[in-house]
N, C-alpha and C. Protein backbone atom coordinates (compact mmCIF):
# COMPACT_ATOMS: atom_id res chain seq x y z
N MET A 1 -9.41 3.47 5.94
CA MET A 1 -9.19 4.94 5.22
C MET A 1 -9.86 5.93 6.42
N GLU A 2 -10.60 5.66 7.14
CA GLU A 2 -11.42 6.04 8.27
C GLU A 2 -10.18 6.76 9.15
N SER A 3 -9.46 5.73 9.46
CA SER A 3 -8.87 6.14 10.28
C SER A 3 -7.61 6.71 9.94
N SER A 4 -7.14 6.77 8.76
CA SER A 4 -6.24 7.20 8.18
C SER A 4 -6.25 9.40 7.86
N ALA A 5 -7.41 9.25 7.82
CA ALA A 5 -8.33 10.65 7.55
C ALA A 5 -7.95 11.11 9.22
N LYS A 6 -8.68 10.48 9.77
CA LYS A 6 -8.75 11.32 11.18
C LYS A 6 -7.07 11.31 11.76
N GLU A 7 -6.19 10.24 11.23
CA GLU A 7 -4.61 10.79 12.03
C GLU A 7 -4.49 12.00 11.07
N ARG A 8 -4.65 12.27 10.38
CA ARG A 8 -4.43 13.48 9.39
C ARG A 8 -4.87 14.64 9.75
N GLY A 9 -6.30 14.77 9.93
CA GLY A 9 -6.80 15.55 10.51
C GLY A 9 -8.01 15.84 9.17
N THR A 10 -8.32 15.39 8.43
CA THR A 10 -8.39 15.68 6.57
C THR A 10 -9.81 14.67 7.34
N GLY A 11 -10.67 15.42 6.19
CA GLY A 11 -12.38 14.37 5.71
C GLY A 11 -12.13 13.33 4.83
N ILE A 12 -13.22 12.43 4.40
CA ILE A 12 -12.53 11.37 3.99
C ILE A 12 -14.66 10.85 3.13
N ALA A 13 -15.26 10.38 2.62
CA ALA A 13 -16.38 10.73 2.40
C ALA A 13 -16.15 8.35 2.65
N LYS A 14 -16.74 8.29 3.57
CA LYS A 14 -17.44 6.71 4.18
C LYS A 14 -17.64 5.81 2.78
N ARG A 15 -17.55 4.63 2.73
CA ARG A 15 -17.62 4.03 1.80
C ARG A 15 -17.87 2.49 2.73
N THR A 16 -18.63 1.82 2.59
CA THR A 16 -19.34 0.38 3.53
C THR A 16 -18.23 -0.76 2.46
N PRO A 17 -18.01 -1.77 3.61
CA PRO A 17 -16.81 -3.01 2.60
C PRO A 17 -17.49 -3.19 1.64
N GLU A 18 -19.17 -3.79 2.03
CA GLU A 18 -19.57 -4.00 0.94
C GLU A 18 -19.51 -3.26 -0.60
N TYR A 19 -18.88 -2.15 -0.50
CA TYR A 19 -19.21 -1.49 -1.58
C TYR A 19 -17.51 -1.41 -2.04
N ILE A 20 -16.66 -1.58 -1.07
CA ILE A 20 -15.38 -1.74 -1.75
C ILE A 20 -15.16 -2.40 -2.44
N GLU A 21 -16.09 -4.00 -1.62
CA GLU A 21 -15.68 -5.44 -2.23
C GLU A 21 -16.22 -5.27 -3.46
N LYS A 22 -17.19 -4.35 -4.04
CA LYS A 22 -17.63 -4.50 -5.35
C LYS A 22 -17.47 -3.63 -6.48
N LYS A 23 -16.75 -2.74 -6.23
CA LYS A 23 -15.33 -2.15 -7.07
C LYS A 23 -14.40 -3.23 -7.32
N MET A 24 -13.66 -4.28 -6.13
CA MET A 24 -12.34 -4.93 -6.50
C MET A 24 -13.02 -5.94 -7.34
N ASP A 25 -14.39 -6.51 -7.63
CA ASP A 25 -15.44 -7.23 -8.04
C ASP A 25 -15.47 -7.19 -9.43
N GLU A 26 -15.70 -5.64 -9.80
CA GLU A 26 -15.93 -4.89 -11.31
C GLU A 26 -14.70 -4.46 -11.45
N GLY A 27 -13.35 -5.15 -11.53
CA GLY A 27 -12.15 -4.95 -11.90
C GLY A 27 -11.81 -3.41 -11.72
N LYS A 28 -12.46 -2.75 -10.67
CA LYS A 28 -12.27 -1.32 -10.94
C LYS A 28 -11.46 -0.67 -9.62
N ALA A 29 -10.21 -1.44 -9.35
CA ALA A 29 -9.85 -1.21 -8.17
C ALA A 29 -8.46 -1.43 -7.99
N VAL A 30 -7.43 -0.65 -7.25
CA VAL A 30 -5.91 -0.95 -7.83
C VAL A 30 -5.46 -1.73 -6.39
N ILE A 31 -5.14 -2.62 -6.16
CA ILE A 31 -4.33 -2.95 -4.79
C ILE A 31 -2.67 -3.01 -4.99
N ALA A 32 -2.02 -2.50 -3.91
CA ALA A 32 -1.13 -2.98 -3.96
C ALA A 32 -0.29 -3.47 -2.96
N VAL A 33 0.36 -5.04 -2.92
CA VAL A 33 1.00 -5.64 -2.02
C VAL A 33 2.07 -6.19 -2.04
N THR A 34 2.68 -6.65 -1.08
CA THR A 34 4.13 -7.51 -1.25
C THR A 34 4.30 -8.49 -1.54
N ALA A 35 5.67 -8.94 -1.83
CA ALA A 35 5.70 -10.15 -2.87
C ALA A 35 5.04 -11.48 -1.54
N ASP A 36 5.05 -11.10 -0.73
CA ASP A 36 4.62 -11.84 0.40
C ASP A 36 3.03 -12.00 0.94
N GLY A 37 2.53 -11.06 0.07
CA GLY A 37 0.94 -10.77 0.19
C GLY A 37 0.51 -9.66 1.01
N THR A 38 1.69 -8.93 1.59
CA THR A 38 0.92 -8.05 3.02
C THR A 38 0.64 -6.39 2.53
N TRP A 39 -0.38 -6.24 2.98
CA TRP A 39 -1.73 -5.49 1.61
C TRP A 39 -0.24 -3.73 1.96
N VAL A 40 -0.28 -3.24 1.00
CA VAL A 40 0.02 -1.55 1.26
C VAL A 40 -0.79 -0.42 0.98
N GLY A 41 -1.58 -0.90 -0.02
CA GLY A 41 -2.01 0.12 -0.76
C GLY A 41 -3.39 0.19 -1.58
N PHE A 42 -4.29 0.98 -1.95
CA PHE A 42 -5.95 0.44 -2.61
C PHE A 42 -6.20 1.90 -3.24
N CYS A 43 -6.95 1.92 -3.85
CA CYS A 43 -7.45 2.94 -4.90
C CYS A 43 -8.71 2.45 -5.60
N TYR A 44 -9.51 3.07 -5.76
CA TYR A 44 -10.40 2.88 -6.75
C TYR A 44 -11.55 3.62 -7.51
N ILE A 45 -12.61 3.08 -8.21
CA ILE A 45 -13.12 4.14 -9.44
C ILE A 45 -14.37 4.42 -9.18
N GLU A 46 -14.59 5.24 -9.37
CA GLU A 46 -16.23 5.62 -9.47
C GLU A 46 -16.75 6.16 -10.64
N THR A 47 -18.22 6.59 -10.79
CA THR A 47 -18.75 7.09 -12.25
C THR A 47 -19.47 8.00 -11.20
N TRP A 48 -19.67 9.14 -12.55
CA TRP A 48 -21.00 9.87 -12.21
C TRP A 48 -21.17 10.65 -13.83
N SER A 49 -22.80 11.57 -13.19
CA SER A 49 -23.17 11.62 -14.26
C SER A 49 -23.21 10.67 -15.44
N HIS A 50 -23.60 9.35 -15.23
CA HIS A 50 -23.96 8.53 -16.34
C HIS A 50 -22.52 7.94 -17.05
N GLY A 51 -21.42 8.45 -16.18
CA GLY A 51 -20.13 7.64 -17.18
C GLY A 51 -19.09 9.26 -17.63
N GLU A 52 -20.12 9.98 -17.73
CA GLU A 52 -19.25 11.62 -18.08
C GLU A 52 -17.92 12.09 -16.99
N TYR A 53 -18.43 11.72 -15.82
CA TYR A 53 -17.37 11.87 -14.91
C TYR A 53 -16.55 10.82 -14.56
N VAL A 54 -15.59 10.42 -13.56
CA VAL A 54 -14.96 9.69 -13.01
C VAL A 54 -14.13 10.11 -11.58
N ALA A 55 -14.34 9.54 -10.77
CA ALA A 55 -13.13 10.09 -9.47
C ALA A 55 -12.86 8.61 -9.58
N ASN A 56 -10.94 9.29 -8.97
CA ASN A 56 -10.21 8.09 -8.02
C ASN A 56 -10.29 8.31 -7.00
N SER A 57 -10.94 7.28 -6.21
CA SER A 57 -11.40 7.94 -4.85
C SER A 57 -10.61 6.54 -3.96
N GLY A 58 -10.40 7.38 -2.77
CA GLY A 58 -10.38 5.95 -1.02
C GLY A 58 -8.52 5.99 -1.46
N LEU A 59 -8.02 6.77 -1.64
CA LEU A 59 -6.58 6.63 -1.57
C LEU A 59 -5.95 6.65 -0.55
N ILE A 60 -5.24 4.69 -0.18
CA ILE A 60 -4.54 4.81 1.09
C ILE A 60 -3.44 4.11 1.09
N VAL A 61 -2.18 4.19 1.35
CA VAL A 61 -1.54 3.39 1.38
C VAL A 61 -0.73 3.34 3.45
N SER A 62 -1.21 1.99 3.72
CA SER A 62 -0.63 1.33 4.73
C SER A 62 0.92 2.26 5.71
N PRO A 63 0.40 2.86 6.85
CA PRO A 63 1.87 3.72 7.20
C PRO A 63 2.99 3.03 7.53
N SER A 64 3.19 2.37 7.57
CA SER A 64 4.50 1.78 7.00
C SER A 64 6.20 1.64 5.62
N PHE A 65 4.27 1.77 4.93
CA PHE A 65 5.07 2.42 3.66
C PHE A 65 5.01 2.87 2.93
N ARG A 66 4.34 4.20 3.98
CA ARG A 66 4.35 5.80 3.08
C ARG A 66 5.50 6.61 3.03
N LYS A 67 5.90 7.59 1.99
CA LYS A 67 6.99 8.22 1.39
C LYS A 67 8.08 6.80 1.23
N SER A 68 7.21 6.02 0.38
CA SER A 68 8.21 5.21 -0.83
C SER A 68 8.09 5.42 -1.75
N GLY A 69 7.09 6.21 -1.95
CA GLY A 69 6.29 6.23 -3.77
C GLY A 69 5.51 5.29 -4.52
N VAL A 70 4.97 4.79 -2.94
CA VAL A 70 3.65 3.69 -3.25
C VAL A 70 2.61 4.29 -3.84
N ALA A 71 2.02 5.90 -3.05
CA ALA A 71 0.78 6.64 -3.26
C ALA A 71 1.06 6.97 -4.55
N LYS A 72 2.70 7.45 -5.33
CA LYS A 72 2.22 7.65 -6.56
C LYS A 72 2.45 6.67 -7.89
N ALA A 73 2.43 5.39 -7.37
CA ALA A 73 2.82 4.60 -8.15
C ALA A 73 1.19 4.13 -8.36
N ILE A 74 0.28 4.49 -7.24
CA ILE A 74 -0.76 3.48 -7.49
C ILE A 74 -1.92 4.53 -8.39
N LYS A 75 -1.62 6.11 -7.69
CA LYS A 75 -2.47 6.88 -8.51
C LYS A 75 -2.35 6.55 -10.07
N LYS A 76 -0.87 6.89 -10.24
CA LYS A 76 -1.04 6.65 -12.11
C LYS A 76 -1.35 5.32 -12.15
N ARG A 77 -1.54 4.62 -11.59
CA ARG A 77 -2.13 3.16 -11.95
C ARG A 77 -3.96 3.22 -12.38
N ILE A 78 -4.52 3.87 -11.69
CA ILE A 78 -5.82 4.13 -11.66
C ILE A 78 -5.88 5.10 -12.49
N PHE A 79 -4.81 6.17 -12.78
CA PHE A 79 -5.31 7.09 -14.11
C PHE A 79 -5.70 6.37 -15.11
N ASN A 80 -4.50 5.75 -15.29
CA ASN A 80 -4.55 4.73 -16.95
C ASN A 80 -5.38 4.09 -16.74
N LEU A 81 -5.96 2.62 -15.27
CA LEU A 81 -6.74 2.41 -15.86
C LEU A 81 -8.49 2.79 -16.02
N SER A 82 -8.06 4.31 -15.80
CA SER A 82 -10.08 5.30 -16.00
C SER A 82 -9.68 5.50 -17.29
N ARG A 83 -8.37 5.49 -17.84
CA ARG A 83 -8.34 6.31 -19.37
C ARG A 83 -9.00 4.97 -20.07
N GLU A 84 -7.98 4.08 -19.35
CA GLU A 84 -8.64 2.40 -20.41
C GLU A 84 -9.98 2.54 -20.35
N LYS A 85 -11.21 2.44 -19.23
CA LYS A 85 -12.26 2.22 -19.31
C LYS A 85 -13.05 3.31 -20.04
N TYR A 86 -12.84 3.93 -19.49
CA TYR A 86 -13.88 5.60 -19.55
C TYR A 86 -12.99 6.72 -20.47
N PRO A 87 -12.11 6.21 -21.94
CA PRO A 87 -11.42 7.44 -22.41
C PRO A 87 -12.42 8.51 -22.70
N GLU A 88 -13.74 9.20 -22.60
CA GLU A 88 -14.01 10.17 -22.89
C GLU A 88 -14.12 10.71 -21.98
N ALA A 89 -14.49 10.30 -20.59
CA ALA A 89 -14.82 10.90 -19.00
C ALA A 89 -13.48 11.59 -18.94
N LYS A 90 -14.31 12.63 -18.51
CA LYS A 90 -13.89 13.85 -17.18
C LYS A 90 -13.04 13.32 -15.80
N ILE A 91 -11.56 13.12 -15.76
CA ILE A 91 -11.55 12.14 -14.45
C ILE A 91 -11.17 13.52 -13.44
N PHE A 92 -11.85 13.43 -12.40
CA PHE A 92 -11.86 14.51 -11.18
C PHE A 92 -11.35 13.90 -9.77
N GLY A 93 -10.96 15.21 -8.83
CA GLY A 93 -10.21 14.73 -7.80
C GLY A 93 -10.42 15.58 -6.91
N LEU A 94 -10.63 15.79 -5.62
CA LEU A 94 -11.21 16.48 -4.34
C LEU A 94 -10.01 16.10 -3.45
N THR A 95 -9.32 17.36 -2.80
CA THR A 95 -8.26 16.66 -1.83
C THR A 95 -8.00 17.89 -1.06
N THR A 96 -7.03 17.31 -0.14
CA THR A 96 -6.47 18.87 1.29
C THR A 96 -5.32 18.54 1.07
N GLY A 97 -4.99 17.77 0.23
CA GLY A 97 -2.90 17.44 0.59
C GLY A 97 -2.54 18.25 -0.60
N LEU A 98 -0.88 18.71 -0.34
CA LEU A 98 -0.46 19.23 -1.67
C LEU A 98 0.20 18.29 -1.93
N ALA A 99 0.75 17.49 -1.21
CA ALA A 99 1.21 16.13 -1.53
C ALA A 99 0.74 15.27 -3.24
N VAL A 100 -1.03 15.17 -3.01
CA VAL A 100 -1.84 14.38 -3.51
C VAL A 100 -2.14 15.41 -5.28
N MET A 101 -1.79 16.52 -4.75
CA MET A 101 -2.40 18.02 -5.40
C MET A 101 -0.88 17.85 -6.48
N LYS A 102 0.21 18.01 -6.20
CA LYS A 102 1.63 17.51 -7.02
C LYS A 102 1.23 15.78 -8.15
N ILE A 103 1.15 15.05 -7.17
CA ILE A 103 0.97 13.81 -7.90
C ILE A 103 -0.04 14.10 -9.78
N ASN A 104 -1.14 14.50 -8.67
CA ASN A 104 -2.62 15.28 -9.77
C ASN A 104 -1.67 16.09 -10.76
N SER A 105 -1.22 16.83 -10.77
CA SER A 105 -0.52 17.88 -11.51
C SER A 105 0.84 16.97 -12.58
N GLU A 106 1.20 16.11 -12.17
CA GLU A 106 2.34 15.30 -13.25
C GLU A 106 1.60 14.27 -14.20
N LEU A 107 -0.09 14.21 -14.12
CA LEU A 107 -0.34 13.35 -14.55
C LEU A 107 -0.99 14.10 -15.49
N GLY A 108 -1.41 15.29 -14.63
CA GLY A 108 -2.43 16.11 -15.97
C GLY A 108 -3.60 16.87 -15.78
N TYR A 109 -3.76 16.18 -14.44
CA TYR A 109 -5.30 17.53 -13.52
C TYR A 109 -4.56 18.48 -13.57
N GLU A 110 -5.45 19.90 -13.80
CA GLU A 110 -5.86 21.71 -13.18
C GLU A 110 -6.56 21.59 -12.23
N PRO A 111 -6.89 22.56 -11.44
CA PRO A 111 -6.84 22.91 -10.52
C PRO A 111 -8.58 23.65 -11.28
N VAL A 112 -9.51 23.59 -10.83
CA VAL A 112 -10.68 24.06 -11.13
C VAL A 112 -11.97 24.49 -10.29
N THR A 113 -12.71 25.25 -10.87
CA THR A 113 -13.82 25.55 -9.46
C THR A 113 -14.68 23.81 -9.30
N TYR A 114 -15.63 24.02 -8.15
CA TYR A 114 -16.81 23.52 -8.15
C TYR A 114 -17.59 23.14 -8.87
N SER A 115 -17.55 23.74 -9.67
CA SER A 115 -18.59 23.85 -10.87
C SER A 115 -18.15 23.29 -12.24
N GLU A 116 -17.23 23.01 -11.97
CA GLU A 116 -16.81 21.94 -13.40
C GLU A 116 -16.49 20.44 -12.91
N LEU A 117 -17.17 20.21 -11.87
CA LEU A 117 -17.26 19.16 -11.30
C LEU A 117 -18.52 18.35 -11.42
N THR A 118 -18.70 16.97 -11.42
CA THR A 118 -19.97 16.77 -11.65
C THR A 118 -20.90 17.38 -10.70
N GLN A 119 -22.49 17.73 -10.86
CA GLN A 119 -23.38 18.04 -9.94
C GLN A 119 -24.55 16.82 -9.62
N ASP A 120 -24.20 15.79 -9.77
CA ASP A 120 -24.50 14.39 -9.27
C ASP A 120 -24.80 14.27 -7.64
N ASP A 121 -26.15 14.25 -7.38
CA ASP A 121 -26.35 14.35 -5.84
C ASP A 121 -25.76 13.23 -5.66
N ALA A 122 -25.65 12.47 -5.78
CA ALA A 122 -25.25 11.10 -5.22
C ALA A 122 -23.37 11.46 -5.00
N PHE A 123 -22.68 11.73 -5.61
CA PHE A 123 -21.64 12.17 -5.47
C PHE A 123 -21.40 13.11 -4.16
N TRP A 124 -21.87 14.05 -3.91
CA TRP A 124 -21.80 15.24 -3.06
C TRP A 124 -22.95 14.49 -1.69
N ASP A 125 -23.67 13.50 -1.83
CA ASP A 125 -24.45 13.20 -0.97
C ASP A 125 -22.92 12.28 0.09
N GLY A 126 -21.92 11.86 -0.75
CA GLY A 126 -21.01 10.85 0.00
C GLY A 126 -20.32 11.78 0.49
N CYS A 127 -20.23 13.07 0.93
CA CYS A 127 -19.69 13.66 1.43
C CYS A 127 -20.01 14.12 2.91
N LYS A 128 -21.05 13.51 2.88
CA LYS A 128 -22.11 13.33 4.37
C LYS A 128 -21.21 12.78 5.63
N SER A 129 -20.72 12.21 5.23
CA SER A 129 -19.92 11.61 6.86
C SER A 129 -18.50 11.81 6.48
N CYS A 130 -17.89 13.47 6.02
CA CYS A 130 -16.89 13.97 6.47
C CYS A 130 -16.91 14.98 7.32
N VAL A 131 -16.18 15.38 8.02
CA VAL A 131 -16.14 15.76 9.25
C VAL A 131 -16.14 17.64 8.45
N ASN A 132 -16.03 18.23 7.30
CA ASN A 132 -16.28 19.07 6.89
C ASN A 132 -17.79 19.65 5.80
N TYR A 133 -18.59 18.50 5.94
CA TYR A 133 -19.68 18.84 5.24
C TYR A 133 -20.47 19.69 5.71
N PRO A 134 -20.16 20.59 6.44
CA PRO A 134 -20.96 21.91 6.88
C PRO A 134 -20.86 22.88 6.52
N ILE A 135 -19.53 22.74 5.95
CA ILE A 135 -18.51 23.66 5.15
C ILE A 135 -18.93 23.71 4.15
N LEU A 136 -18.65 22.60 3.63
CA LEU A 136 -19.71 22.41 2.05
C LEU A 136 -20.84 22.42 1.42
N LEU A 137 -21.41 22.72 3.11
CA LEU A 137 -23.31 23.37 2.75
C LEU A 137 -23.47 24.59 2.86
N SER A 138 -22.50 24.80 4.06
CA SER A 138 -22.67 26.51 3.63
C SER A 138 -22.00 27.58 2.81
N LYS A 139 -21.77 26.68 2.20
CA LYS A 139 -20.95 27.50 0.82
C LYS A 139 -21.45 27.04 -0.28
N GLY A 140 -22.81 26.40 -0.47
CA GLY A 140 -23.39 25.70 -1.09
C GLY A 140 -23.15 25.22 -2.62
N ARG A 141 -22.27 24.22 -1.69
CA ARG A 141 -21.34 23.00 -3.00
C ARG A 141 -20.47 24.10 -3.49
N LYS A 142 -20.17 24.84 -3.35
CA LYS A 142 -19.55 25.47 -4.75
C LYS A 142 -17.94 25.63 -4.12
N ASN A 143 -17.81 25.27 -2.43
CA ASN A 143 -16.37 25.44 -1.90
C ASN A 143 -16.53 24.41 -0.58
N CYS A 144 -15.24 24.66 -0.26
CA CYS A 144 -14.95 23.47 1.01
C CYS A 144 -13.24 23.44 0.84
N LEU A 145 -12.97 23.01 1.84
CA LEU A 145 -11.25 23.00 2.08
C LEU A 145 -10.59 21.96 1.21
N CYS A 146 -11.41 20.92 0.43
CA CYS A 146 -10.73 20.58 -0.56
C CYS A 146 -10.66 21.65 -2.18
N THR A 147 -9.80 21.12 -2.56
CA THR A 147 -8.99 21.75 -3.55
C THR A 147 -9.16 20.44 -5.33
N ALA A 148 -10.48 21.20 -5.80
CA ALA A 148 -11.06 20.28 -7.15
C ALA A 148 -9.61 20.52 -8.10
N MET A 149 -9.48 19.03 -8.89
CA MET A 149 -8.75 19.20 -9.99
C MET A 149 -9.38 18.24 -11.26
N LEU A 150 -9.18 18.63 -11.93
CA LEU A 150 -9.55 18.00 -13.04
C LEU A 150 -9.29 17.90 -14.12
N TYR A 151 -8.95 16.13 -15.10
CA TYR A 151 -8.61 16.12 -16.56
C TYR A 151 -9.72 16.12 -17.43
N ASP A 152 -9.61 17.11 -18.05
CA ASP A 152 -10.66 16.43 -19.60
C ASP A 152 -9.76 15.72 -20.45
N PRO A 153 -10.03 14.44 -21.03
CA PRO A 153 -9.25 14.31 -22.09
C PRO A 153 -9.40 15.38 -23.71
N LYS A 154 -10.57 15.79 -23.64
CA LYS A 154 -11.24 16.56 -24.73
C LYS A 154 -10.37 18.15 -24.64
N ASP A 155 -9.79 18.13 -23.61
CA ASP A 155 -9.18 20.00 -22.77
C ASP A 155 -7.76 20.32 -21.78
N HIS A 156 -6.91 19.58 -21.97
CA HIS A 156 -5.82 19.56 -21.20
C HIS A 156 -4.83 20.21 -21.55
N TYR A 157 -3.92 20.57 -20.52
CA TYR A 157 -2.31 20.98 -20.86
C TYR A 157 -1.75 19.33 -20.91
N LYS A 158 -0.63 19.79 -20.87
CA LYS A 158 0.39 18.18 -21.41
C LYS A 158 0.96 17.88 -19.90
N PRO A 159 1.37 16.87 -18.99
CA PRO A 159 1.67 16.68 -17.83
C PRO A 159 2.70 17.33 -17.25
N GLU A 160 3.53 17.60 -18.40
CA GLU A 160 4.70 18.56 -18.11
C GLU A 160 4.70 19.99 -17.91
N GLU A 161 3.68 20.28 -18.79
CA GLU A 161 3.38 21.85 -18.54
C GLU A 161 2.36 21.99 -16.79
N THR A 162 1.34 20.79 -16.77
CA THR A 162 0.72 21.09 -15.42
C THR A 162 1.80 20.74 -14.23
N LYS A 163 2.29 20.22 -14.83
CA LYS A 163 3.64 19.55 -13.43
C LYS A 163 4.63 20.88 -13.32
N GLN A 164 5.00 21.48 -14.51
CA GLN A 164 5.24 22.76 -14.33
C GLN A 164 4.97 23.96 -13.51
N PHE A 165 3.50 24.09 -13.87
CA PHE A 165 3.39 24.95 -13.22
C PHE A 165 2.91 24.72 -11.75
N PHE A 166 2.64 23.66 -11.49
CA PHE A 166 2.65 23.33 -9.86
C PHE A 166 4.37 23.82 -9.32
N GLU A 167 5.50 23.38 -10.11
CA GLU A 167 6.37 23.44 -9.47
C GLU A 167 6.76 25.01 -8.73
N GLU A 168 6.53 25.64 -10.18
CA GLU A 168 6.18 27.43 -10.04
C GLU A 168 5.97 27.98 -9.13
N ASN A 169 4.60 27.32 -8.89
CA ASN A 169 3.80 28.05 -7.90
C ASN A 169 3.30 27.30 -6.39
N LYS A 170 4.28 26.38 -6.30
CA LYS A 170 4.15 25.23 -5.14
C LYS A 170 3.37 26.16 -3.91
N LYS A 171 4.89 27.78 -3.78
CA LYS A 171 4.57 28.24 -2.00
C LYS A 171 3.02 28.94 -1.97
N GLY A 172 2.91 29.38 -3.54
CA GLY A 172 1.47 29.84 -3.74
C GLY A 172 0.09 28.84 -3.17
N LEU A 173 0.52 28.14 -3.62
CA LEU A 173 -0.71 26.81 -3.06
C LEU A 173 -0.43 26.63 -2.31
N GLU A 174 0.23 26.75 -1.22
CA GLU A 174 0.61 26.53 0.32
C GLU A 174 0.10 27.57 0.78
N ARG A 175 0.47 28.62 0.48
CA ARG A 175 -0.31 29.55 1.08
C ARG A 175 -2.04 29.66 0.99
N LEU A 176 -1.89 29.38 -0.14
CA LEU A 176 -3.66 29.66 -0.87
C LEU A 176 -4.66 28.38 0.08
N LEU A 177 -3.90 27.38 -0.01
CA LEU A 177 -4.76 26.23 1.16
C LEU A 177 -4.35 26.62 2.68
N ARG A 178 -3.50 27.13 3.08
CA ARG A 178 -3.65 27.54 4.31
C ARG A 178 -4.30 28.76 4.84
N PHE A 179 -4.72 29.38 3.70
CA PHE A 179 -5.36 30.89 3.67
C PHE A 179 -7.59 30.06 3.75
N LYS A 180 -6.79 29.36 2.74
CA LYS A 180 -8.60 28.88 2.64
C LYS A 180 -9.05 27.93 3.80
N GLN A 181 -8.60 27.08 4.25
CA GLN A 181 -8.45 26.73 6.12
C GLN A 181 -9.17 27.57 7.11
N TRP A 182 -8.18 28.47 7.35
CA TRP A 182 -8.33 29.53 7.65
C TRP A 182 -9.82 30.39 7.55
N LYS A 183 -9.76 30.95 5.95
CA LYS A 183 -11.24 31.28 5.98
C LYS A 183 -12.36 30.76 6.04
N LEU A 184 -12.58 29.40 5.83
CA LEU A 184 -13.87 28.51 5.72
C LEU A 184 -13.73 27.57 6.88
N LEU A 185 -13.24 28.00 7.88
CA LEU A 185 -13.04 27.30 9.25
C LEU A 185 -13.44 28.13 10.02
N LYS A 186 -13.30 29.25 10.20
CA LYS A 186 -12.85 30.13 10.73
C LYS A 186 -14.23 30.84 11.16
N PRO A 187 -15.78 30.54 10.83
CA PRO A 187 -17.21 31.12 11.62
C PRO A 187 -17.24 29.18 12.32
N PHE A 188 -16.70 28.31 11.50
CA PHE A 188 -17.33 26.81 12.37
C PHE A 188 -16.75 27.24 14.05
N LEU A 189 -14.87 27.19 14.19
CA LEU A 189 -14.57 27.88 14.84
C LEU A 189 -14.98 28.87 16.13
N LYS A 190 -15.52 29.61 15.02
CA LYS A 190 -16.12 30.78 16.50
C LYS A 190 -17.61 30.20 17.22
N LYS A 191 -18.51 29.50 16.19
CA LYS A 191 -19.38 28.83 16.58
C LYS A 191 -18.96 27.64 17.62
N GLU A 192 -18.03 27.11 17.44
CA GLU A 192 -17.98 26.29 18.61
C GLU A 192 -17.39 26.54 19.93
N LYS A 193 -16.36 27.66 19.56
CA LYS A 193 -15.88 28.24 21.05
C LYS A 193 -17.48 29.03 22.12
N ASN A 194 -18.19 29.55 21.05
CA ASN A 194 -19.30 30.11 21.71
C ASN A 194 -20.52 29.45 21.96
N GLY A 195 -19.87 28.06 21.63
CA GLY A 195 -21.06 26.94 22.63
C GLY A 195 -22.48 26.64 21.60
N ASN A 196 -22.16 27.15 20.00
CA ASN A 196 -23.29 26.96 19.35
C ASN A 196 -23.02 26.26 18.06
N THR A 197 -22.29 25.08 18.39
CA THR A 197 -21.90 23.91 17.64
C THR A 197 -23.08 22.95 17.04
N ASN A 198 -23.55 22.96 16.04
CA ASN A 198 -24.18 21.61 14.86
C ASN A 198 -24.02 20.19 15.39
N GLY A 199 -24.70 19.26 15.49
CA GLY A 199 -24.55 18.26 15.98
C GLY A 199 -24.58 17.09 15.07
N ASN A 200 -25.12 18.03 14.29
CA ASN A 200 -25.65 17.17 13.20
C ASN A 200 -24.58 17.44 11.98
N GLY A 201 -2.78 -6.02 -15.22
CA GLY A 201 -1.52 -5.96 -15.56
C GLY A 201 -0.68 -4.89 -14.32
N ALA A 202 0.48 -5.37 -13.40
CA ALA A 202 1.27 -5.18 -11.89
C ALA A 202 1.91 -3.95 -12.41
N ALA A 203 1.98 -2.72 -11.97
CA ALA A 203 2.91 -1.56 -12.27
C ALA A 203 3.57 -1.60 -10.57
N VAL A 204 5.30 -1.03 -10.91
CA VAL A 204 5.74 -1.35 -9.85
C VAL A 204 6.59 -0.42 -9.24
N SER A 205 6.08 0.42 -8.00
CA SER A 205 6.55 1.67 -7.28
C SER A 205 7.97 1.47 -7.17
N LYS A 206 8.31 2.71 -6.65
CA LYS A 206 9.68 2.83 -6.49
C LYS A 206 10.87 1.59 -5.39
N ASN A 207 9.51 0.80 -4.41
CA ASN A 207 10.17 -0.16 -3.89
C ASN A 207 10.22 -1.50 -4.83
N PRO A 208 10.74 -2.11 -5.49
CA PRO A 208 10.67 -3.52 -5.99
C PRO A 208 9.73 -4.61 -4.98
N LYS A 209 9.75 -4.08 -4.32
CA LYS A 209 9.12 -5.78 -3.26
C LYS A 209 7.77 -5.51 -3.24
N ILE A 210 6.97 -4.04 -3.92
CA ILE A 210 5.60 -4.12 -4.13
C ILE A 210 5.01 -4.30 -5.81
N LEU A 211 4.46 -4.75 -5.42
CA LEU A 211 3.39 -5.06 -7.13
C LEU A 211 1.77 -4.22 -6.42
N ILE A 212 1.48 -3.68 -7.49
CA ILE A 212 0.57 -2.94 -8.11
C ILE A 212 -0.43 -3.73 -8.62
N TYR A 213 -1.58 -3.93 -8.65
CA TYR A 213 -2.67 -4.66 -9.78
C TYR A 213 -3.86 -3.60 -9.96
């Protein structure tokens, strides 16, 4: 997960191997493999604010299987698993990628402000390992490069509506993401330039050979 994030130039909240293993033992993870057992992708569930909020975290796909529909299949499976285990919980995510925003929109997620997410300190502490953490702190945890998206089971649009909204506003969202990146990174790039940086049941994807558990 860490190497993939570095490759894409994005941030990620690091988790220990033991933490990930625990998620699998608890049945709170989705794993994609080929018929011969080759690892393809992974995602897991986290709960916050005493189960009021659920996050689908750590989505990762092996480089050789990217752009095959696996990520979308994993997202759908982990979303359905979250709904099964926590039917009353709000499901949220933070992403810097337009592709993930598109998948989330097709599931019924909506873009929201950070104030609508969990305020559990433990969740935000997980961002400390992200390269963009200084930006998050500078904004008082109210904004960062990531876009917040939320699915509220008690108050949400239908997936067809959120998907249509995304398609109709895709170009605008692309511009917004670029502007957000420029706006939030600008002060830190200026500091760096001046030498003032701070050290501190299985689903099947489009590929029929891949099984998702």
